[in-house]
Amino acid sequence: MKRTQIYLSNNEWQLLQMLSRKRQVTMAQLIRDAVDKVYAGKSAESFLDALNAAAGIWKNRRDLGNTEDYLGNLREDRRLERFSRR
C-alpha cells in the first residue's frame, strides 16, 4: 500500500468525517472504496456476467414488432427501389 496526501474542501472533509463515524471506518478507507468503485477496471468476467444478465431482457415485450417481419419489409422495400431504377 502506498501513502499519499490529498487536499479536500471543508465540505468534502466534513462529509467524509461524518460517514467515517457512521460506518465506523477510517476516512482513508472511504476514499479507497470510492476510488475502487469509480476508477477500478472491470474484469472480463464481470462484463460477461452483465452481458448474460441482459440476454433476453426484451423477449416478452409486446410493443416491439417481429424482427423477421421488420427485416423482410426493409429488404422488400429496397428490392422495389432497385427494380424501379432499371
PDB file of N, CA and C in Angstrom:
ATOM      1  N   MET A   1       0.849  -1.171   0.000  1.00  0.00           N
ATOM      2  CA  MET A   1       0.000   0.000   0.000  1.00  0.00           C
ATOM      3  C   MET A   1       0.895   1.234   0.000  1.00  0.00           C
ATOM      4  N   LYS A   2       0.507   2.226  -0.777  1.00  0.00           N
ATOM      5  CA  LYS A   2       1.252   3.484  -0.876  1.00  0.00           C
ATOM      6  C   LYS A   2       0.552   4.558  -0.063  1.00  0.00           C
ATOM      7  N   ARG A   3       1.350   5.447   0.490  1.00  0.00           N
ATOM      8  CA  ARG A   3       0.807   6.577   1.246  1.00  0.00           C
ATOM      9  C   ARG A   3       0.766   7.798   0.331  1.00  0.00           C
ATOM     10  N   THR A   4      -0.314   8.573   0.450  1.00  0.00           N
ATOM     11  CA  THR A   4      -0.438   9.798  -0.342  1.00  0.00           C
ATOM     12  C   THR A   4      -1.192  10.848   0.454  1.00  0.00           C
ATOM     13  N   GLN A   5      -1.107  12.074  -0.005  1.00  0.00           N
ATOM     14  CA  GLN A   5      -1.845  13.169   0.622  1.00  0.00           C
ATOM     15  C   GLN A   5      -2.745  13.806  -0.426  1.00  0.00           C
ATOM     16  N   ILE A   6      -3.917  14.240   0.016  1.00  0.00           N
ATOM     17  CA  ILE A   6      -4.828  14.940  -0.890  1.00  0.00           C
ATOM     18  C   ILE A   6      -5.378  16.168  -0.174  1.00  0.00           C
ATOM     19  N   TYR A   7      -5.815  17.129  -0.956  1.00  0.00           N
ATOM     20  CA  TYR A   7      -6.470  18.312  -0.420  1.00  0.00           C
ATOM     21  C   TYR A   7      -7.970  18.152  -0.605  1.00  0.00           C
ATOM     22  N   LEU A   8      -8.701  18.384   0.482  1.00  0.00           N
ATOM     23  CA  LEU A   8     -10.159  18.302   0.453  1.00  0.00           C
ATOM     24  C   LEU A   8     -10.747  19.650   0.841  1.00  0.00           C
ATOM     25  N   SER A   9     -11.878  19.971   0.253  1.00  0.00           N
ATOM     26  CA  SER A   9     -12.591  21.174   0.698  1.00  0.00           C
ATOM     27  C   SER A   9     -13.150  20.892   2.093  1.00  0.00           C
ATOM     28  N   ASN A  10     -13.549  21.936   2.772  1.00  0.00           N
ATOM     29  CA  ASN A  10     -14.149  21.748   4.099  1.00  0.00           C
ATOM     30  C   ASN A  10     -15.384  20.863   4.023  1.00  0.00           C
ATOM     31  N   ASN A  11     -16.187  21.065   2.983  1.00  0.00           N
ATOM     32  CA  ASN A  11     -17.402  20.248   2.830  1.00  0.00           C
ATOM     33  C   ASN A  11     -17.059  18.779   2.605  1.00  0.00           C
ATOM     34  N   GLU A  12     -16.072  18.509   1.745  1.00  0.00           N
ATOM     35  CA  GLU A  12     -15.657  17.123   1.487  1.00  0.00           C
ATOM     36  C   GLU A  12     -15.142  16.472   2.763  1.00  0.00           C
ATOM     37  N   TRP A  13     -14.327  17.221   3.516  1.00  0.00           N
ATOM     38  CA  TRP A  13     -13.752  16.683   4.745  1.00  0.00           C
ATOM     39  C   TRP A  13     -14.854  16.382   5.755  1.00  0.00           C
ATOM     40  N   GLN A  14     -15.812  17.311   5.898  1.00  0.00           N
ATOM     41  CA  GLN A  14     -16.906  17.105   6.849  1.00  0.00           C
ATOM     42  C   GLN A  14     -17.763  15.901   6.458  1.00  0.00           C
ATOM     43  N   LEU A  15     -18.016  15.758   5.170  1.00  0.00           N
ATOM     44  CA  LEU A  15     -18.801  14.617   4.700  1.00  0.00           C
ATOM     45  C   LEU A  15     -18.085  13.306   5.012  1.00  0.00           C
ATOM     46  N   LEU A  16     -16.791  13.253   4.702  1.00  0.00           N
ATOM     47  CA  LEU A  16     -16.022  12.035   4.989  1.00  0.00           C
ATOM     48  C   LEU A  16     -15.954  11.765   6.487  1.00  0.00           C
ATOM     49  N   GLN A  17     -15.804  12.804   7.268  1.00  0.00           N
ATOM     50  CA  GLN A  17     -15.752  12.650   8.727  1.00  0.00           C
ATOM     51  C   GLN A  17     -17.064  12.061   9.245  1.00  0.00           C
ATOM     52  N   MET A  18     -18.180  12.587   8.750  1.00  0.00           N
ATOM     53  CA  MET A  18     -19.498  12.107   9.176  1.00  0.00           C
ATOM     54  C   MET A  18     -19.704  10.645   8.764  1.00  0.00           C
ATOM     55  N   LEU A  19     -19.387  10.328   7.490  1.00  0.00           N
ATOM     56  CA  LEU A  19     -19.544   8.947   7.019  1.00  0.00           C
ATOM     57  C   LEU A  19     -18.614   7.995   7.757  1.00  0.00           C
ATOM     58  N   SER A  20     -17.431   8.472   8.069  1.00  0.00           N
ATOM     59  CA  SER A  20     -16.460   7.659   8.794  1.00  0.00           C
ATOM     60  C   SER A  20     -17.019   7.234  10.151  1.00  0.00           C
ATOM     61  N   ARG A  21     -17.595   8.171  10.850  1.00  0.00           N
ATOM     62  CA  ARG A  21     -18.189   7.853  12.161  1.00  0.00           C
ATOM     63  C   ARG A  21     -19.392   6.924  12.007  1.00  0.00           C
ATOM     64  N   LYS A  22     -20.239   7.244  11.029  1.00  0.00           N
ATOM     65  CA  LYS A  22     -21.465   6.469  10.834  1.00  0.00           C
ATOM     66  C   LYS A  22     -21.153   5.017  10.484  1.00  0.00           C
ATOM     67  N   ARG A  23     -20.192   4.811   9.585  1.00  0.00           N
ATOM     68  CA  ARG A  23     -19.864   3.458   9.117  1.00  0.00           C
ATOM     69  C   ARG A  23     -18.770   2.783   9.937  1.00  0.00           C
ATOM     70  N   GLN A  24     -18.187   3.531  10.837  1.00  0.00           N
ATOM     71  CA  GLN A  24     -17.113   3.032  11.702  1.00  0.00           C
ATOM     72  C   GLN A  24     -15.933   2.493  10.892  1.00  0.00           C
ATOM     73  N   VAL A  25     -15.527   3.296   9.918  1.00  0.00           N
ATOM     74  CA  VAL A  25     -14.323   3.012   9.132  1.00  0.00           C
ATOM     75  C   VAL A  25     -13.526   4.304   9.039  1.00  0.00           C
ATOM     76  N   THR A  26     -12.278   4.188   8.651  1.00  0.00           N
ATOM     77  CA  THR A  26     -11.452   5.385   8.537  1.00  0.00           C
ATOM     78  C   THR A  26     -11.831   6.183   7.297  1.00  0.00           C
ATOM     79  N   MET A  27     -11.462   7.451   7.316  1.00  0.00           N
ATOM     80  CA  MET A  27     -11.665   8.285   6.135  1.00  0.00           C
ATOM     81  C   MET A  27     -10.855   7.728   4.972  1.00  0.00           C
ATOM     82  N   ALA A  28      -9.672   7.228   5.264  1.00  0.00           N
ATOM     83  CA  ALA A  28      -8.831   6.645   4.213  1.00  0.00           C
ATOM     84  C   ALA A  28      -9.540   5.465   3.551  1.00  0.00           C
ATOM     85  N   GLN A  29     -10.222   4.651   4.344  1.00  0.00           N
ATOM     86  CA  GLN A  29     -10.936   3.504   3.774  1.00  0.00           C
ATOM     87  C   GLN A  29     -12.089   3.956   2.889  1.00  0.00           C
ATOM     88  N   LEU A  30     -12.784   4.997   3.307  1.00  0.00           N
ATOM     89  CA  LEU A  30     -13.860   5.543   2.474  1.00  0.00           C
ATOM     90  C   LEU A  30     -13.322   6.014   1.125  1.00  0.00           C
ATOM     91  N   ILE A  31     -12.173   6.678   1.147  1.00  0.00           N
ATOM     92  CA  ILE A  31     -11.565   7.169  -0.095  1.00  0.00           C
ATOM     93  C   ILE A  31     -11.118   6.006  -0.961  1.00  0.00           C
ATOM     94  N   ARG A  32     -10.486   4.994  -0.358  1.00  0.00           N
ATOM     95  CA  ARG A  32     -10.061   3.814  -1.135  1.00  0.00           C
ATOM     96  C   ARG A  32     -11.264   3.124  -1.776  1.00  0.00           C
ATOM     97  N   ASP A  33     -12.341   2.976  -1.001  1.00  0.00           N
ATOM     98  CA  ASP A  33     -13.552   2.338  -1.540  1.00  0.00           C
ATOM     99  C   ASP A  33     -14.119   3.131  -2.716  1.00  0.00           C
ATOM    100  N   ALA A  34     -14.132   4.456  -2.583  1.00  0.00           N
ATOM    101  CA  ALA A  34     -14.655   5.302  -3.660  1.00  0.00           C
ATOM    102  C   ALA A  34     -13.784   5.197  -4.905  1.00  0.00           C
ATOM    103  N   VAL A  35     -12.466   5.189  -4.728  1.00  0.00           N
ATOM    104  CA  VAL A  35     -11.552   5.066  -5.871  1.00  0.00           C
ATOM    105  C   VAL A  35     -11.758   3.719  -6.553  1.00  0.00           C
ATOM    106  N   ASP A  36     -11.872   2.664  -5.772  1.00  0.00           N
ATOM    107  CA  ASP A  36     -12.105   1.334  -6.355  1.00  0.00           C
ATOM    108  C   ASP A  36     -13.414   1.300  -7.140  1.00  0.00           C
ATOM    109  N   LYS A  37     -14.452   1.879  -6.566  1.00  0.00           N
ATOM    110  CA  LYS A  37     -15.765   1.836  -7.211  1.00  0.00           C
ATOM    111  C   LYS A  37     -15.782   2.633  -8.514  1.00  0.00           C
ATOM    112  N   VAL A  38     -15.134   3.784  -8.527  1.00  0.00           N
ATOM    113  CA  VAL A  38     -15.215   4.666  -9.691  1.00  0.00           C
ATOM    114  C   VAL A  38     -14.157   4.356 -10.738  1.00  0.00           C
ATOM    115  N   TYR A  39     -12.922   4.078 -10.311  1.00  0.00           N
ATOM    116  CA  TYR A  39     -11.820   4.007 -11.265  1.00  0.00           C
ATOM    117  C   TYR A  39     -11.243   2.619 -11.502  1.00  0.00           C
ATOM    118  N   ALA A  40     -11.583   1.648 -10.681  1.00  0.00           N
ATOM    119  CA  ALA A  40     -11.015   0.307 -10.868  1.00  0.00           C
ATOM    120  C   ALA A  40     -11.541  -0.286 -12.167  1.00  0.00           C
ATOM    121  N   GLY A  41     -10.670  -0.956 -12.898  1.00  0.00           N
ATOM    122  CA  GLY A  41     -11.066  -1.567 -14.166  1.00  0.00           C
ATOM    123  C   GLY A  41     -12.015  -2.720 -13.944  1.00  0.00           C
ATOM    124  N   LYS A  42     -12.895  -2.897 -14.879  1.00  0.00           N
ATOM    125  CA  LYS A  42     -13.842  -4.004 -14.805  1.00  0.00           C
ATOM    126  C   LYS A  42     -13.210  -5.230 -15.452  1.00  0.00           C
ATOM    127  N   SER A  43     -13.351  -6.342 -14.816  1.00  0.00           N
ATOM    128  CA  SER A  43     -12.778  -7.570 -15.358  1.00  0.00           C
ATOM    129  C   SER A  43     -13.656  -8.113 -16.476  1.00  0.00           C
ATOM    130  N   ALA A  44     -13.073  -8.945 -17.297  1.00  0.00           N
ATOM    131  CA  ALA A  44     -13.822  -9.580 -18.386  1.00  0.00           C
ATOM    132  C   ALA A  44     -14.955 -10.425 -17.812  1.00  0.00           C
ATOM    133  N   GLU A  45     -14.708 -11.030 -16.659  1.00  0.00           N
ATOM    134  CA  GLU A  45     -15.735 -11.873 -16.034  1.00  0.00           C
ATOM    135  C   GLU A  45     -16.958 -11.050 -15.640  1.00  0.00           C
ATOM    136  N   SER A  46     -16.741  -9.867 -15.055  1.00  0.00           N
ATOM    137  CA  SER A  46     -17.890  -9.052 -14.663  1.00  0.00           C
ATOM    138  C   SER A  46     -18.625  -8.527 -15.896  1.00  0.00           C
ATOM    139  N   PHE A  47     -17.893  -8.279 -16.991  1.00  0.00           N
ATOM    140  CA  PHE A  47     -18.542  -7.866 -18.237  1.00  0.00           C
ATOM    141  C   PHE A  47     -19.427  -8.989 -18.759  1.00  0.00           C
ATOM    142  N   LEU A  48     -18.908 -10.215 -18.743  1.00  0.00           N
ATOM    143  CA  LEU A  48     -19.697 -11.351 -19.215  1.00  0.00           C
ATOM    144  C   LEU A  48     -20.908 -11.595 -18.323  1.00  0.00           C
ATOM    145  N   ASP A  49     -20.744 -11.403 -17.023  1.00  0.00           N
ATOM    146  CA  ASP A  49     -21.877 -11.541 -16.106  1.00  0.00           C
ATOM    147  C   ASP A  49     -22.980 -10.539 -16.460  1.00  0.00           C
ATOM    148  N   ALA A  50     -22.588  -9.293 -16.733  1.00  0.00           N
ATOM    149  CA  ALA A  50     -23.565  -8.266 -17.102  1.00  0.00           C
ATOM    150  C   ALA A  50     -24.217  -8.599 -18.438  1.00  0.00           C
ATOM    151  N   LEU A  51     -23.423  -9.093 -19.372  1.00  0.00           N
ATOM    152  CA  LEU A  51     -23.948  -9.459 -20.687  1.00  0.00           C
ATOM    153  C   LEU A  51     -24.955 -10.599 -20.569  1.00  0.00           C
ATOM    154  N   ASN A  52     -24.620 -11.603 -19.779  1.00  0.00           N
ATOM    155  CA  ASN A  52     -25.537 -12.731 -19.575  1.00  0.00           C
ATOM    156  C   ASN A  52     -26.816 -12.292 -18.866  1.00  0.00           C
ATOM    157  N   ALA A  53     -26.695 -11.358 -17.938  1.00  0.00           N
ATOM    158  CA  ALA A  53     -27.877 -10.867 -17.228  1.00  0.00           C
ATOM    159  C   ALA A  53     -28.804 -10.101 -18.168  1.00  0.00           C
ATOM    160  N   ALA A  54     -28.233  -9.467 -19.188  1.00  0.00           N
ATOM    161  CA  ALA A  54     -29.037  -8.678 -20.129  1.00  0.00           C
ATOM    162  C   ALA A  54     -29.648  -9.528 -21.240  1.00  0.00           C
ATOM    163  N   ALA A  55     -29.142 -10.724 -21.433  1.00  0.00           N
ATOM    164  CA  ALA A  55     -29.637 -11.578 -22.524  1.00  0.00           C
ATOM    165  C   ALA A  55     -31.120 -11.867 -22.332  1.00  0.00           C
ATOM    166  N   GLY A  56     -31.889 -11.652 -23.376  1.00  0.00           N
ATOM    167  CA  GLY A  56     -33.318 -11.940 -23.336  1.00  0.00           C
ATOM    168  C   GLY A  56     -34.162 -10.925 -22.598  1.00  0.00           C
ATOM    169  N   ILE A  57     -33.588  -9.792 -22.285  1.00  0.00           N
ATOM    170  CA  ILE A  57     -34.294  -8.810 -21.468  1.00  0.00           C
ATOM    171  C   ILE A  57     -35.555  -8.273 -22.149  1.00  0.00           C
ATOM    172  N   TRP A  58     -35.589  -8.292 -23.482  1.00  0.00           N
ATOM    173  CA  TRP A  58     -36.746  -7.779 -24.210  1.00  0.00           C
ATOM    174  C   TRP A  58     -37.607  -8.884 -24.801  1.00  0.00           C
ATOM    175  N   LYS A  59     -37.401 -10.113 -24.418  1.00  0.00           N
ATOM    176  CA  LYS A  59     -38.073 -11.221 -25.091  1.00  0.00           C
ATOM    177  C   LYS A  59     -39.594 -11.202 -24.942  1.00  0.00           C
ATOM    178  N   ASN A  60     -40.121 -10.678 -23.870  1.00  0.00           N
ATOM    179  CA  ASN A  60     -41.569 -10.689 -23.657  1.00  0.00           C
ATOM    180  C   ASN A  60     -42.237  -9.342 -23.917  1.00  0.00           C
ATOM    181  N   ARG A  61     -41.538  -8.435 -24.565  1.00  0.00           N
ATOM    182  CA  ARG A  61     -42.137  -7.127 -24.855  1.00  0.00           C
ATOM    183  C   ARG A  61     -43.124  -7.254 -26.001  1.00  0.00           C
ATOM    184  N   ARG A  62     -44.273  -6.635 -25.830  1.00  0.00           N
ATOM    185  CA  ARG A  62     -45.311  -6.702 -26.860  1.00  0.00           C
ATOM    186  C   ARG A  62     -45.347  -5.448 -27.726  1.00  0.00           C
ATOM    187  N   ASP A  63     -44.620  -4.423 -27.300  1.00  0.00           N
ATOM    188  CA  ASP A  63     -44.633  -3.184 -28.071  1.00  0.00           C
ATOM    189  C   ASP A  63     -43.620  -3.198 -29.209  1.00  0.00           C
ATOM    190  N   LEU A  64     -42.799  -4.232 -29.267  1.00  0.00           N
ATOM    191  CA  LEU A  64     -41.824  -4.367 -30.344  1.00  0.00           C
ATOM    192  C   LEU A  64     -42.360  -5.354 -31.366  1.00  0.00           C
ATOM    193  N   GLY A  65     -42.206  -5.008 -32.620  1.00  0.00           N
ATOM    194  CA  GLY A  65     -42.679  -5.898 -33.669  1.00  0.00           C
ATOM    195  C   GLY A  65     -41.773  -7.108 -33.832  1.00  0.00           C
ATOM    196  N   ASN A  66     -42.172  -7.987 -34.724  1.00  0.00           N
ATOM    197  CA  ASN A  66     -41.398  -9.176 -35.033  1.00  0.00           C
ATOM    198  C   ASN A  66     -40.185  -8.771 -35.870  1.00  0.00           C
ATOM    199  N   THR A  67     -39.005  -9.144 -35.426  1.00  0.00           N
ATOM    200  CA  THR A  67     -37.771  -8.753 -36.105  1.00  0.00           C
ATOM    201  C   THR A  67     -37.708  -9.289 -37.522  1.00  0.00           C
ATOM    202  N   GLU A  68     -38.094 -10.533 -37.711  1.00  0.00           N
ATOM    203  CA  GLU A  68     -38.037 -11.127 -39.050  1.00  0.00           C
ATOM    204  C   GLU A  68     -38.965 -10.397 -40.016  1.00  0.00           C
ATOM    205  N   ASP A  69     -40.157 -10.039 -39.558  1.00  0.00           N
ATOM    206  CA  ASP A  69     -41.089  -9.288 -40.407  1.00  0.00           C
ATOM    207  C   ASP A  69     -40.523  -7.915 -40.757  1.00  0.00           C
ATOM    208  N   TYR A  70     -39.952  -7.265 -39.758  1.00  0.00           N
ATOM    209  CA  TYR A  70     -39.388  -5.928 -39.963  1.00  0.00           C
ATOM    210  C   TYR A  70     -38.269  -5.964 -40.995  1.00  0.00           C
ATOM    211  N   LEU A  71     -37.343  -6.905 -40.831  1.00  0.00           N
ATOM    212  CA  LEU A  71     -36.231  -7.015 -41.781  1.00  0.00           C
ATOM    213  C   LEU A  71     -36.723  -7.405 -43.166  1.00  0.00           C
ATOM    214  N   GLY A  72     -37.706  -8.276 -43.230  1.00  0.00           N
ATOM    215  CA  GLY A  72     -38.277  -8.658 -44.518  1.00  0.00           C
ATOM    216  C   GLY A  72     -38.873  -7.462 -45.241  1.00  0.00           C
ATOM    217  N   ASN A  73     -39.578  -6.614 -44.506  1.00  0.00           N
ATOM    218  CA  ASN A  73     -40.153  -5.406 -45.104  1.00  0.00           C
ATOM    219  C   ASN A  73     -39.072  -4.454 -45.590  1.00  0.00           C
ATOM    220  N   LEU A  74     -38.013  -4.307 -44.822  1.00  0.00           N
ATOM    221  CA  LEU A  74     -36.910  -3.446 -45.256  1.00  0.00           C
ATOM    222  C   LEU A  74     -36.296  -3.963 -46.549  1.00  0.00           C
ATOM    223  N   ARG A  75     -36.051  -5.245 -46.583  1.00  0.00           N
ATOM    224  CA  ARG A  75     -35.436  -5.832 -47.782  1.00  0.00           C
ATOM    225  C   ARG A  75     -36.366  -5.711 -48.988  1.00  0.00           C
ATOM    226  N   GLU A  76     -37.641  -5.925 -48.766  1.00  0.00           N
ATOM    227  CA  GLU A  76     -38.608  -5.835 -49.860  1.00  0.00           C
ATOM    228  C   GLU A  76     -38.653  -4.417 -50.420  1.00  0.00           C
ATOM    229  N   ASP A  77     -38.649  -3.423 -49.530  1.00  0.00           N
ATOM    230  CA  ASP A  77     -38.657  -2.031 -49.982  1.00  0.00           C
ATOM    231  C   ASP A  77     -37.431  -1.720 -50.824  1.00  0.00           C
ATOM    232  N   ARG A  78     -36.295  -2.221 -50.452  1.00  0.00           N
ATOM    233  CA  ARG A  78     -35.076  -1.958 -51.213  1.00  0.00           C
ATOM    234  C   ARG A  78     -35.108  -2.655 -52.566  1.00  0.00           C
ATOM    235  N   ARG A  79     -35.681  -3.843 -52.608  1.00  0.00           N
ATOM    236  CA  ARG A  79     -35.788  -4.546 -53.892  1.00  0.00           C
ATOM    237  C   ARG A  79     -36.655  -3.752 -54.858  1.00  0.00           C
ATOM    238  N   LEU A  80     -37.747  -3.216 -54.346  1.00  0.00           N
ATOM    239  CA  LEU A  80     -38.628  -2.419 -55.203  1.00  0.00           C
ATOM    240  C   LEU A  80     -37.908  -1.180 -55.725  1.00  0.00           C
ATOM    241  N   GLU A  81     -37.103  -0.541 -54.864  1.00  0.00           N
ATOM    242  CA  GLU A  81     -36.336   0.632 -55.298  1.00  0.00           C
ATOM    243  C   GLU A  81     -35.353   0.265 -56.400  1.00  0.00           C
ATOM    244  N   ARG A  82     -34.666  -0.842 -56.228  1.00  0.00           N
ATOM    245  CA  ARG A  82     -33.665  -1.254 -57.224  1.00  0.00           C
ATOM    246  C   ARG A  82     -34.319  -1.579 -58.561  1.00  0.00           C
ATOM    247  N   PHE A  83     -35.446  -2.259 -58.513  1.00  0.00           N
ATOM    248  CA  PHE A  83     -36.118  -2.628 -59.762  1.00  0.00           C
ATOM    249  C   PHE A  83     -36.714  -1.408 -60.461  1.00  0.00           C
ATOM    250  N   SER A  84     -37.152  -0.422 -59.692  1.00  0.00           N
ATOM    251  CA  SER A  84     -37.765   0.759 -60.304  1.00  0.00           C
ATOM    252  C   SER A  84     -36.720   1.658 -60.963  1.00  0.00           C
ATOM    253  N   ARG A  85     -35.458   1.537 -60.572  1.00  0.00           N
ATOM    254  CA  ARG A  85     -34.386   2.341 -61.166  1.00  0.00           C
ATOM    255  C   ARG A  85     -33.959   1.813 -62.528  1.00  0.00           C
ATOM    256  N   ARG A  86     -34.294   0.584 -62.831  1.00  0.00           N
ATOM    257  CA  ARG A  86     -33.832  -0.033 -64.087  1.00  0.00           C
ATOM    258  C   ARG A  86     -34.575   0.450 -65.268  1.00  0.00           C
TER     259      ARG A  86
END
